[in-house]
Amino acid sequence: MKKQPVLITNAARSQSEQLRARQIRYVTMMSARAACLIIGAVLVSVRPPLLPLWLILCAAGMIFLPWAAVLIANDRPPKSRAHPAATPAADQQRILEPEAAEVIKQRTIDVEP
């Protein structure tokens, strides 16, 4: 099994990695649609009991899967709860305690010419 590297940043995955994951999901779902078509053709030739029910299920899969595949392939990756995106507004609204504010005011940096 391939080991995953340790994540040391909360940066999003690269665009190429996201695209590859979406492509894999799309191809998988469209393969399931093709399987529904093949299964429907086999069922018509075999004529099992409850054939209309099975054909309706196969047809529903062939109609629903392309729509869902496009929606899922065009969706952005979900945000992780472990690493929420930092917003600048939230950083600006941060209120310091009085003691912490005093420590920051006393901090100096000496620069010699």
Protein backbone atom coordinates (compact mmCIF):
# COMPACT_ATOMS: atom_id res chain seq x y z
CA MET A 1 0.00 0.00 0.00
CA LYS A 2 1.26 3.46 -0.92
CA LYS A 3 1.97 5.74 2.05
CA GLN A 4 0.51 9.23 1.94
CA PRO A 5 2.87 12.07 2.87
CA VAL A 6 2.23 13.96 6.08
CA LEU A 7 0.13 17.06 5.52
CA ILE A 8 1.89 20.06 7.05
CA THR A 9 -0.17 22.83 5.46
CA ASN A 10 -3.82 23.70 5.08
CA ALA A 11 -3.36 24.66 1.42
CA ALA A 12 -5.78 23.16 -1.07
CA ARG A 13 -4.74 20.31 -3.35
CA SER A 14 -3.23 21.34 -6.67
CA GLN A 15 -5.50 21.94 -9.64
CA SER A 16 -4.07 18.94 -11.51
CA GLU A 17 -4.79 16.61 -8.56
CA GLN A 18 -8.33 17.93 -8.28
CA LEU A 19 -8.89 17.52 -12.02
CA ARG A 20 -7.58 13.94 -11.96
CA ALA A 21 -9.89 13.00 -9.06
CA ARG A 22 -12.91 14.51 -10.87
CA GLN A 23 -12.00 12.67 -14.08
CA ILE A 24 -11.82 9.34 -12.24
CA ARG A 25 -15.25 9.93 -10.64
CA TYR A 26 -16.76 10.87 -14.01
CA VAL A 27 -15.38 7.84 -15.83
CA THR A 28 -16.52 5.54 -13.00
CA MET A 29 -20.08 6.86 -13.11
CA MET A 30 -20.26 6.71 -16.90
CA SER A 31 -18.98 3.12 -16.76
CA ALA A 32 -21.86 2.32 -14.41
CA ARG A 33 -24.21 3.85 -17.02
CA ALA A 34 -22.72 1.61 -19.72
CA ALA A 35 -23.18 -1.36 -17.39
CA CYS A 36 -26.87 -0.44 -17.01
CA LEU A 37 -27.24 -0.48 -20.80
CA ILE A 38 -25.53 -3.88 -21.12
CA ILE A 39 -27.52 -5.36 -18.24
CA GLY A 40 -30.75 -4.07 -19.81
CA ALA A 41 -29.89 -5.73 -23.13
CA VAL A 42 -29.05 -9.02 -21.40
CA LEU A 43 -32.28 -8.90 -19.39
CA VAL A 44 -34.35 -8.42 -22.56
CA SER A 45 -32.78 -11.51 -24.12
CA VAL A 46 -33.08 -13.64 -20.94
CA ARG A 47 -36.64 -12.48 -20.03
CA PRO A 48 -36.45 -12.96 -16.24
CA PRO A 49 -39.46 -12.56 -13.92
CA LEU A 50 -40.38 -8.93 -13.23
CA LEU A 51 -38.69 -7.83 -16.48
CA PRO A 52 -40.49 -4.45 -16.64
CA LEU A 53 -39.29 -3.57 -13.13
CA TRP A 54 -35.67 -4.42 -13.98
CA LEU A 55 -35.84 -2.47 -17.23
CA ILE A 56 -37.26 0.58 -15.43
CA LEU A 57 -34.38 0.41 -12.93
CA CYS A 58 -31.81 0.15 -15.74
CA ALA A 59 -33.43 3.03 -17.64
CA ALA A 60 -33.48 5.17 -14.49
CA GLY A 61 -29.77 4.48 -14.00
CA MET A 62 -29.02 5.39 -17.62
CA ILE A 63 -30.95 8.67 -17.27
CA PHE A 64 -29.81 9.68 -13.76
CA LEU A 65 -26.11 8.74 -13.92
CA PRO A 66 -25.00 11.16 -16.69
CA TRP A 67 -26.69 14.08 -14.92
CA ALA A 68 -25.11 13.14 -11.57
CA ALA A 69 -21.70 12.50 -13.18
CA VAL A 70 -21.58 15.99 -14.68
CA LEU A 71 -22.65 17.63 -11.42
CA ILE A 72 -20.11 15.71 -9.37
CA ALA A 73 -17.29 16.20 -11.90
CA ASN A 74 -17.82 19.98 -11.94
CA ASP A 75 -18.07 20.30 -8.15
CA ARG A 76 -15.21 21.68 -6.09
CA PRO A 77 -13.61 19.43 -3.48
CA PRO A 78 -15.26 19.54 -0.06
CA LYS A 79 -13.78 21.74 2.63
CA SER A 80 -12.13 19.87 5.45
CA ARG A 81 -13.42 20.50 8.96
CA ALA A 82 -9.95 19.78 10.32
CA HIS A 83 -8.42 22.60 8.26
CA PRO A 84 -10.98 25.39 7.79
CA ALA A 85 -10.00 28.14 5.42
CA ALA A 86 -8.78 31.24 7.21
CA THR A 87 -10.62 34.39 6.27
CA PRO A 88 -8.97 37.81 6.52
CA ALA A 89 -12.13 39.28 8.08
CA ALA A 90 -11.93 36.80 10.93
CA ASP A 91 -8.28 37.72 11.55
CA GLN A 92 -9.09 41.43 11.61
CA GLN A 93 -11.93 40.96 14.07
CA ARG A 94 -9.74 39.13 16.55
CA ILE A 95 -9.84 40.94 19.90
CA LEU A 96 -6.77 40.82 22.08
CA GLU A 97 -6.94 40.66 25.84
CA PRO A 98 -5.61 43.79 27.59
CA GLU A 99 -2.50 42.01 28.91
CA ALA A 100 -1.64 40.68 25.45
CA ALA A 101 -2.13 44.12 23.92
CA GLU A 102 0.31 45.63 26.44
CA VAL A 103 2.93 43.01 25.61
CA ILE A 104 2.64 43.81 21.91
CA LYS A 105 2.93 47.56 22.54
CA GLN A 106 6.15 47.05 24.53
CA ARG A 107 7.81 44.96 21.85
CA THR A 108 10.54 46.88 20.00
CA ILE A 109 12.95 46.05 17.24
CA ASP A 110 16.30 47.84 17.18
CA VAL A 111 17.81 48.55 13.81
CA GLU A 112 21.30 50.00 13.59
CA PRO A 113 22.31 51.94 10.47
